[in-house]
């Protein structure tokens, strides 16, 4: 979302508190807010898609090389969707 659109969202918010909005301004505010939320969700979804879960280091910073050494099975977590 462009900075100008975010500035417009903020302007419309402050105007709505000061004096109210016309019907067209209220519709514009609703459209801009929806676009902002959609952009935010898409950005979050892309960030979550890049996350990879791996086993951490063992005791004293040693890294285990197999499930037998750690005493547990490797687990992989997959995020399939973000719900609103």
PDB file of N, CA and C in Angstrom:
ATOM      1  N   UNK A   1       0.846  -1.177   0.000  1.00  0.00           N
ATOM      2  CA  UNK A   1       0.000   0.000   0.000  1.00  0.00           C
ATOM      3  C   UNK A   1       0.892   1.242   0.000  1.00  0.00           C
ATOM      4  N   UNK A   2       0.534   2.210  -0.796  1.00  0.00           N
ATOM      5  CA  UNK A   2       1.313   3.444  -0.940  1.00  0.00           C
ATOM      6  C   UNK A   2       1.146   4.329   0.296  1.00  0.00           C
ATOM      7  N   UNK A   3       2.184   5.119   0.561  1.00  0.00           N
ATOM      8  CA  UNK A   3       2.153   6.046   1.694  1.00  0.00           C
ATOM      9  C   UNK A   3       0.986   7.025   1.581  1.00  0.00           C
ATOM     10  N   UNK A   4       0.695   7.449   0.358  1.00  0.00           N
ATOM     11  CA  UNK A   4      -0.408   8.399   0.150  1.00  0.00           C
ATOM     12  C   UNK A   4      -1.746   7.788   0.581  1.00  0.00           C
ATOM     13  N   UNK A   5      -1.916   6.489   0.324  1.00  0.00           N
ATOM     14  CA  UNK A   5      -3.163   5.820   0.721  1.00  0.00           C
ATOM     15  C   UNK A   5      -3.267   5.699   2.242  1.00  0.00           C
ATOM     16  N   UNK A   6      -2.149   5.414   2.893  1.00  0.00           N
ATOM     17  CA  UNK A   6      -2.145   5.350   4.361  1.00  0.00           C
ATOM     18  C   UNK A   6      -2.421   6.728   4.944  1.00  0.00           C
ATOM     19  N   UNK A   7      -1.804   7.749   4.357  1.00  0.00           N
ATOM     20  CA  UNK A   7      -2.069   9.119   4.812  1.00  0.00           C
ATOM     21  C   UNK A   7      -3.550   9.466   4.645  1.00  0.00           C
ATOM     22  N   UNK A   8      -4.150   9.020   3.554  1.00  0.00           N
ATOM     23  CA  UNK A   8      -5.576   9.289   3.306  1.00  0.00           C
ATOM     24  C   UNK A   8      -6.446   8.574   4.343  1.00  0.00           C
ATOM     25  N   UNK A   9      -6.096   7.332   4.692  1.00  0.00           N
ATOM     26  CA  UNK A   9      -6.825   6.607   5.745  1.00  0.00           C
ATOM     27  C   UNK A   9      -6.789   7.414   7.044  1.00  0.00           C
ATOM     28  N   UNK A  10      -5.609   7.887   7.402  1.00  0.00           N
ATOM     29  CA  UNK A  10      -5.460   8.657   8.640  1.00  0.00           C
ATOM     30  C   UNK A  10      -6.237   9.969   8.579  1.00  0.00           C
ATOM     31  N   UNK A  11      -6.176  10.643   7.430  1.00  0.00           N
ATOM     32  CA  UNK A  11      -6.920  11.891   7.274  1.00  0.00           C
ATOM     33  C   UNK A  11      -8.423  11.654   7.461  1.00  0.00           C
ATOM     34  N   UNK A  12      -8.934  10.623   6.797  1.00  0.00           N
ATOM     35  CA  UNK A  12     -10.372  10.336   6.899  1.00  0.00           C
ATOM     36  C   UNK A  12     -10.767   9.956   8.321  1.00  0.00           C
ATOM     37  N   UNK A  13      -9.901   9.244   9.013  1.00  0.00           N
ATOM     38  CA  UNK A  13     -10.190   8.893  10.410  1.00  0.00           C
ATOM     39  C   UNK A  13     -10.323  10.160  11.259  1.00  0.00           C
ATOM     40  N   UNK A  14      -9.342  11.048  11.144  1.00  0.00           N
ATOM     41  CA  UNK A  14      -9.370  12.279  11.953  1.00  0.00           C
ATOM     42  C   UNK A  14     -10.551  13.169  11.567  1.00  0.00           C
ATOM     43  N   UNK A  15     -10.843  13.238  10.287  1.00  0.00           N
ATOM     44  CA  UNK A  15     -11.986  14.035   9.845  1.00  0.00           C
ATOM     45  C   UNK A  15     -13.287  13.451  10.390  1.00  0.00           C
ATOM     46  N   UNK A  16     -13.396  12.121  10.416  1.00  0.00           N
ATOM     47  CA  UNK A  16     -14.618  11.494  10.933  1.00  0.00           C
ATOM     48  C   UNK A  16     -14.824  11.830  12.407  1.00  0.00           C
ATOM     49  N   UNK A  17     -13.755  11.978  13.156  1.00  0.00           N
ATOM     50  CA  UNK A  17     -13.860  12.330  14.577  1.00  0.00           C
ATOM     51  C   UNK A  17     -14.187  13.809  14.760  1.00  0.00           C
ATOM     52  N   UNK A  18     -13.649  14.672  13.875  1.00  0.00           N
ATOM     53  CA  UNK A  18     -13.864  16.112  13.998  1.00  0.00           C
ATOM     54  C   UNK A  18     -15.253  16.540  13.526  1.00  0.00           C
ATOM     55  N   UNK A  19     -15.602  16.133  12.306  1.00  0.00           N
ATOM     56  CA  UNK A  19     -16.810  16.694  11.707  1.00  0.00           C
ATOM     57  C   UNK A  19     -17.690  15.686  10.992  1.00  0.00           C
ATOM     58  N   UNK A  20     -17.227  14.459  10.878  1.00  0.00           N
ATOM     59  CA  UNK A  20     -18.009  13.453  10.175  1.00  0.00           C
ATOM     60  C   UNK A  20     -17.604  13.369   8.710  1.00  0.00           C
ATOM     61  N   UNK A  21     -18.035  12.309   8.059  1.00  0.00           N
ATOM     62  CA  UNK A  21     -17.683  12.067   6.663  1.00  0.00           C
ATOM     63  C   UNK A  21     -18.931  12.087   5.791  1.00  0.00           C
ATOM     64  N   UNK A  22     -18.746  12.456   4.532  1.00  0.00           N
ATOM     65  CA  UNK A  22     -19.832  12.337   3.567  1.00  0.00           C
ATOM     66  C   UNK A  22     -19.974  10.853   3.218  1.00  0.00           C
ATOM     67  N   UNK A  23     -21.022  10.500   2.539  1.00  0.00           N
ATOM     68  CA  UNK A  23     -21.241   9.107   2.157  1.00  0.00           C
ATOM     69  C   UNK A  23     -20.107   8.597   1.267  1.00  0.00           C
ATOM     70  N   UNK A  24     -19.663   9.438   0.340  1.00  0.00           N
ATOM     71  CA  UNK A  24     -18.575   9.002  -0.551  1.00  0.00           C
ATOM     72  C   UNK A  24     -17.256   8.853   0.207  1.00  0.00           C
ATOM     73  N   UNK A  25     -16.997   9.738   1.173  1.00  0.00           N
ATOM     74  CA  UNK A  25     -15.781   9.621   1.983  1.00  0.00           C
ATOM     75  C   UNK A  25     -15.822   8.370   2.858  1.00  0.00           C
ATOM     76  N   UNK A  26     -16.992   8.069   3.415  1.00  0.00           N
ATOM     77  CA  UNK A  26     -17.132   6.868   4.236  1.00  0.00           C
ATOM     78  C   UNK A  26     -16.893   5.615   3.396  1.00  0.00           C
ATOM     79  N   UNK A  27     -17.391   5.599   2.169  1.00  0.00           N
ATOM     80  CA  UNK A  27     -17.167   4.465   1.268  1.00  0.00           C
ATOM     81  C   UNK A  27     -15.685   4.352   0.912  1.00  0.00           C
ATOM     82  N   UNK A  28     -15.042   5.483   0.662  1.00  0.00           N
ATOM     83  CA  UNK A  28     -13.612   5.489   0.357  1.00  0.00           C
ATOM     84  C   UNK A  28     -12.812   4.970   1.551  1.00  0.00           C
ATOM     85  N   UNK A  29     -13.172   5.417   2.751  1.00  0.00           N
ATOM     86  CA  UNK A  29     -12.489   4.964   3.968  1.00  0.00           C
ATOM     87  C   UNK A  29     -12.615   3.447   4.123  1.00  0.00           C
ATOM     88  N   UNK A  30     -13.805   2.929   3.894  1.00  0.00           N
ATOM     89  CA  UNK A  30     -14.043   1.487   4.005  1.00  0.00           C
ATOM     90  C   UNK A  30     -13.196   0.732   2.978  1.00  0.00           C
ATOM     91  N   UNK A  31     -13.155   1.225   1.741  1.00  0.00           N
ATOM     92  CA  UNK A  31     -12.367   0.583   0.684  1.00  0.00           C
ATOM     93  C   UNK A  31     -10.875   0.598   1.011  1.00  0.00           C
ATOM     94  N   UNK A  32     -10.371   1.747   1.485  1.00  0.00           N
ATOM     95  CA  UNK A  32      -8.952   1.864   1.819  1.00  0.00           C
ATOM     96  C   UNK A  32      -8.578   0.977   3.009  1.00  0.00           C
ATOM     97  N   UNK A  33      -9.445   0.920   4.004  1.00  0.00           N
ATOM     98  CA  UNK A  33      -9.174   0.060   5.170  1.00  0.00           C
ATOM     99  C   UNK A  33      -9.127  -1.408   4.753  1.00  0.00           C
ATOM    100  N   UNK A  34     -10.047  -1.830   3.894  1.00  0.00           N
ATOM    101  CA  UNK A  34     -10.072  -3.218   3.418  1.00  0.00           C
ATOM    102  C   UNK A  34      -8.786  -3.525   2.648  1.00  0.00           C
ATOM    103  N   UNK A  35      -8.340  -2.600   1.796  1.00  0.00           N
ATOM    104  CA  UNK A  35      -7.107  -2.792   1.029  1.00  0.00           C
ATOM    105  C   UNK A  35      -5.906  -2.905   1.969  1.00  0.00           C
ATOM    106  N   UNK A  36      -5.880  -2.071   3.026  1.00  0.00           N
ATOM    107  CA  UNK A  36      -4.788  -2.117   4.000  1.00  0.00           C
ATOM    108  C   UNK A  36      -4.755  -3.474   4.702  1.00  0.00           C
ATOM    109  N   UNK A  37      -5.908  -3.948   5.143  1.00  0.00           N
ATOM    110  CA  UNK A  37      -5.988  -5.241   5.835  1.00  0.00           C
ATOM    111  C   UNK A  37      -5.566  -6.372   4.902  1.00  0.00           C
ATOM    112  N   UNK A  38      -6.021  -6.341   3.662  1.00  0.00           N
ATOM    113  CA  UNK A  38      -5.648  -7.378   2.694  1.00  0.00           C
ATOM    114  C   UNK A  38      -4.147  -7.388   2.441  1.00  0.00           C
ATOM    115  N   UNK A  39      -3.538  -6.201   2.303  1.00  0.00           N
ATOM    116  CA  UNK A  39      -2.091  -6.109   2.116  1.00  0.00           C
ATOM    117  C   UNK A  39      -1.341  -6.647   3.326  1.00  0.00           C
ATOM    118  N   UNK A  40      -1.830  -6.325   4.524  1.00  0.00           N
ATOM    119  CA  UNK A  40      -1.201  -6.795   5.755  1.00  0.00           C
ATOM    120  C   UNK A  40      -1.248  -8.320   5.826  1.00  0.00           C
ATOM    121  N   UNK A  41      -2.412  -8.900   5.520  1.00  0.00           N
ATOM    122  CA  UNK A  41      -2.554 -10.358   5.550  1.00  0.00           C
ATOM    123  C   UNK A  41      -1.632 -11.029   4.542  1.00  0.00           C
ATOM    124  N   UNK A  42      -1.541 -10.470   3.350  1.00  0.00           N
ATOM    125  CA  UNK A  42      -0.673 -11.038   2.317  1.00  0.00           C
ATOM    126  C   UNK A  42       0.792 -10.988   2.754  1.00  0.00           C
ATOM    127  N   UNK A  43       1.183  -9.891   3.376  1.00  0.00           N
ATOM    128  CA  UNK A  43       2.552  -9.752   3.858  1.00  0.00           C
ATOM    129  C   UNK A  43       2.837 -10.762   4.966  1.00  0.00           C
ATOM    130  N   UNK A  44       1.919 -10.914   5.895  1.00  0.00           N
ATOM    131  CA  UNK A  44       2.077 -11.866   6.989  1.00  0.00           C
ATOM    132  C   UNK A  44       2.125 -13.295   6.447  1.00  0.00           C
ATOM    133  N   UNK A  45       1.253 -13.611   5.514  1.00  0.00           N
ATOM    134  CA  UNK A  45       1.224 -14.944   4.912  1.00  0.00           C
ATOM    135  C   UNK A  45       2.560 -15.248   4.231  1.00  0.00           C
ATOM    136  N   UNK A  46       3.107 -14.289   3.488  1.00  0.00           N
ATOM    137  CA  UNK A  46       4.395 -14.478   2.814  1.00  0.00           C
ATOM    138  C   UNK A  46       5.510 -14.695   3.836  1.00  0.00           C
ATOM    139  N   UNK A  47       5.476 -13.955   4.923  1.00  0.00           N
ATOM    140  CA  UNK A  47       6.485 -14.105   5.977  1.00  0.00           C
ATOM    141  C   UNK A  47       6.389 -15.483   6.620  1.00  0.00           C
ATOM    142  N   UNK A  48       5.186 -15.924   6.908  1.00  0.00           N
ATOM    143  CA  UNK A  48       5.001 -17.246   7.522  1.00  0.00           C
ATOM    144  C   UNK A  48       5.419 -18.366   6.569  1.00  0.00           C
ATOM    145  N   UNK A  49       5.213 -18.175   5.294  1.00  0.00           N
ATOM    146  CA  UNK A  49       5.617 -19.186   4.316  1.00  0.00           C
ATOM    147  C   UNK A  49       7.134 -19.360   4.261  1.00  0.00           C
ATOM    148  N   UNK A  50       7.875 -18.340   4.650  1.00  0.00           N
ATOM    149  CA  UNK A  50       9.342 -18.413   4.626  1.00  0.00           C
ATOM    150  C   UNK A  50       9.925 -19.027   5.892  1.00  0.00           C
ATOM    151  N   UNK A  51       9.104 -19.255   6.927  1.00  0.00           N
ATOM    152  CA  UNK A  51       9.601 -19.782   8.196  1.00  0.00           C
ATOM    153  C   UNK A  51       9.825 -21.281   8.082  1.00  0.00           C
ATOM    154  N   UNK A  52      10.984 -21.718   8.563  1.00  0.00           N
ATOM    155  CA  UNK A  52      11.308 -23.138   8.594  1.00  0.00           C
ATOM    156  C   UNK A  52      11.668 -23.498  10.033  1.00  0.00           C
ATOM    157  N   UNK A  53      11.013 -24.516  10.564  1.00  0.00           N
ATOM    158  CA  UNK A  53      11.274 -24.970  11.929  1.00  0.00           C
ATOM    159  C   UNK A  53      12.364 -26.035  11.872  1.00  0.00           C
ATOM    160  N   UNK A  54      13.411 -25.856  12.664  1.00  0.00           N
ATOM    161  CA  UNK A  54      14.500 -26.840  12.742  1.00  0.00           C
ATOM    162  C   UNK A  54      14.790 -27.121  14.208  1.00  0.00           C
ATOM    163  N   UNK A  55      15.378 -28.282  14.481  1.00  0.00           N
ATOM    164  CA  UNK A  55      15.769 -28.599  15.853  1.00  0.00           C
ATOM    165  C   UNK A  55      16.870 -27.655  16.292  1.00  0.00           C
ATOM    166  N   UNK A  56      16.842 -27.263  17.541  1.00  0.00           N
ATOM    167  CA  UNK A  56      17.861 -26.374  18.082  1.00  0.00           C
ATOM    168  C   UNK A  56      19.064 -27.152  18.577  1.00  0.00           C
ATOM    169  N   UNK A  57      20.055 -26.465  19.113  1.00  0.00           N
ATOM    170  CA  UNK A  57      21.254 -27.122  19.616  1.00  0.00           C
ATOM    171  C   UNK A  57      20.940 -27.984  20.839  1.00  0.00           C
ATOM    172  N   UNK A  58      21.751 -29.020  21.053  1.00  0.00           N
ATOM    173  CA  UNK A  58      21.600 -29.905  22.202  1.00  0.00           C
ATOM    174  C   UNK A  58      22.226 -29.286  23.441  1.00  0.00           C
ATOM    175  N   UNK A  59      22.486 -30.089  24.472  1.00  0.00           N
ATOM    176  CA  UNK A  59      23.102 -29.575  25.699  1.00  0.00           C
ATOM    177  C   UNK A  59      24.465 -28.945  25.419  1.00  0.00           C
ATOM    178  N   UNK A  60      24.781 -27.904  26.115  1.00  0.00           N
ATOM    179  CA  UNK A  60      26.060 -27.197  26.016  1.00  0.00           C
ATOM    180  C   UNK A  60      26.361 -26.745  24.592  1.00  0.00           C
ATOM    181  N   UNK A  61      25.318 -26.429  23.809  1.00  0.00           N
ATOM    182  CA  UNK A  61      25.519 -25.904  22.482  1.00  0.00           C
ATOM    183  C   UNK A  61      25.826 -26.937  21.424  1.00  0.00           C
ATOM    184  N   UNK A  62      25.853 -28.230  21.791  1.00  0.00           N
ATOM    185  CA  UNK A  62      26.129 -29.278  20.807  1.00  0.00           C
ATOM    186  C   UNK A  62      24.904 -29.500  19.938  1.00  0.00           C
ATOM    187  N   UNK A  63      25.116 -29.782  18.683  1.00  0.00           N
ATOM    188  CA  UNK A  63      24.010 -30.050  17.770  1.00  0.00           C
ATOM    189  C   UNK A  63      23.879 -31.548  17.572  1.00  0.00           C
ATOM    190  N   UNK A  64      22.688 -32.084  17.838  1.00  0.00           N
ATOM    191  CA  UNK A  64      22.450 -33.513  17.648  1.00  0.00           C
ATOM    192  C   UNK A  64      22.366 -33.811  16.162  1.00  0.00           C
ATOM    193  N   UNK A  65      22.825 -34.988  15.764  1.00  0.00           N
ATOM    194  CA  UNK A  65      22.814 -35.329  14.350  1.00  0.00           C
ATOM    195  C   UNK A  65      21.737 -36.330  13.981  1.00  0.00           C
ATOM    196  N   UNK A  66      21.066 -36.937  14.948  1.00  0.00           N
ATOM    197  CA  UNK A  66      20.011 -37.893  14.621  1.00  0.00           C
ATOM    198  C   UNK A  66      18.952 -37.896  15.706  1.00  0.00           C
ATOM    199  N   UNK A  67      17.791 -38.497  15.393  1.00  0.00           N
ATOM    200  CA  UNK A  67      16.699 -38.588  16.355  1.00  0.00           C
ATOM    201  C   UNK A  67      17.094 -39.463  17.534  1.00  0.00           C
ATOM    202  N   UNK A  68      17.945 -40.475  17.302  1.00  0.00           N
ATOM    203  CA  UNK A  68      18.365 -41.347  18.389  1.00  0.00           C
ATOM    204  C   UNK A  68      19.175 -40.565  19.425  1.00  0.00           C
ATOM    205  N   UNK A  69      20.021 -39.652  18.962  1.00  0.00           N
ATOM    206  CA  UNK A  69      20.840 -38.868  19.876  1.00  0.00           C
ATOM    207  C   UNK A  69      20.008 -37.897  20.708  1.00  0.00           C
ATOM    208  N   UNK A  70      18.939 -37.375  20.129  1.00  0.00           N
ATOM    209  CA  UNK A  70      18.122 -36.407  20.860  1.00  0.00           C
ATOM    210  C   UNK A  70      17.081 -37.091  21.727  1.00  0.00           C
ATOM    211  N   UNK A  71      16.788 -38.363  21.432  1.00  0.00           N
ATOM    212  CA  UNK A  71      15.771 -39.060  22.195  1.00  0.00           C
ATOM    213  C   UNK A  71      14.366 -38.699  21.748  1.00  0.00           C
ATOM    214  N   UNK A  72      14.228 -38.002  20.634  1.00  0.00           N
ATOM    215  CA  UNK A  72      12.907 -37.639  20.129  1.00  0.00           C
ATOM    216  C   UNK A  72      12.927 -37.649  18.611  1.00  0.00           C
ATOM    217  N   UNK A  73      11.768 -37.630  18.038  1.00  0.00           N
ATOM    218  CA  UNK A  73      11.647 -37.578  16.581  1.00  0.00           C
ATOM    219  C   UNK A  73      11.690 -36.139  16.109  1.00  0.00           C
ATOM    220  N   UNK A  74      12.211 -35.906  14.927  1.00  0.00           N
ATOM    221  CA  UNK A  74      12.161 -34.571  14.342  1.00  0.00           C
ATOM    222  C   UNK A  74      10.722 -34.218  14.037  1.00  0.00           C
ATOM    223  N   UNK A  75      10.385 -32.976  14.236  1.00  0.00           N
ATOM    224  CA  UNK A  75       9.041 -32.508  13.931  1.00  0.00           C
ATOM    225  C   UNK A  75       9.135 -31.367  12.932  1.00  0.00           C
ATOM    226  N   UNK A  76       8.239 -31.380  11.995  1.00  0.00           N
ATOM    227  CA  UNK A  76       8.151 -30.297  11.035  1.00  0.00           C
ATOM    228  C   UNK A  76       6.766 -29.689  11.150  1.00  0.00           C
ATOM    229  N   UNK A  77       6.717 -28.383  11.281  1.00  0.00           N
ATOM    230  CA  UNK A  77       5.453 -27.673  11.382  1.00  0.00           C
ATOM    231  C   UNK A  77       5.213 -26.961  10.066  1.00  0.00           C
ATOM    232  N   UNK A  78       4.029 -27.153   9.501  1.00  0.00           N
ATOM    233  CA  UNK A  78       3.684 -26.523   8.232  1.00  0.00           C
ATOM    234  C   UNK A  78       2.469 -25.640   8.454  1.00  0.00           C
ATOM    235  N   UNK A  79       2.583 -24.373   8.090  1.00  0.00           N
ATOM    236  CA  UNK A  79       1.464 -23.455   8.160  1.00  0.00           C
ATOM    237  C   UNK A  79       0.824 -23.444   6.785  1.00  0.00           C
ATOM    238  N   UNK A  80      -0.450 -23.842   6.728  1.00  0.00           N
ATOM    239  CA  UNK A  80      -1.097 -23.947   5.423  1.00  0.00           C
ATOM    240  C   UNK A  80      -1.934 -22.732   5.067  1.00  0.00           C
ATOM    241  N   UNK A  81      -2.468 -22.034   6.057  1.00  0.00           N
ATOM    242  CA  UNK A  81      -3.261 -20.845   5.750  1.00  0.00           C
ATOM    243  C   UNK A  81      -3.377 -19.976   6.987  1.00  0.00           C
ATOM    244  N   UNK A  82      -3.652 -18.711   6.764  1.00  0.00           N
ATOM    245  CA  UNK A  82      -3.896 -17.754   7.841  1.00  0.00           C
ATOM    246  C   UNK A  82      -5.354 -17.383   7.763  1.00  0.00           C
ATOM    247  N   UNK A  83      -6.062 -17.573   8.853  1.00  0.00           N
ATOM    248  CA  UNK A  83      -7.489 -17.242   8.862  1.00  0.00           C
ATOM    249  C   UNK A  83      -7.707 -15.916   9.556  1.00  0.00           C
ATOM    250  N   UNK A  84      -8.698 -15.182   9.078  1.00  0.00           N
ATOM    251  CA  UNK A  84      -8.996 -13.884   9.692  1.00  0.00           C
ATOM    252  C   UNK A  84     -10.052 -14.025  10.734  1.00  0.00           C
TER     253      UNK A  84
END
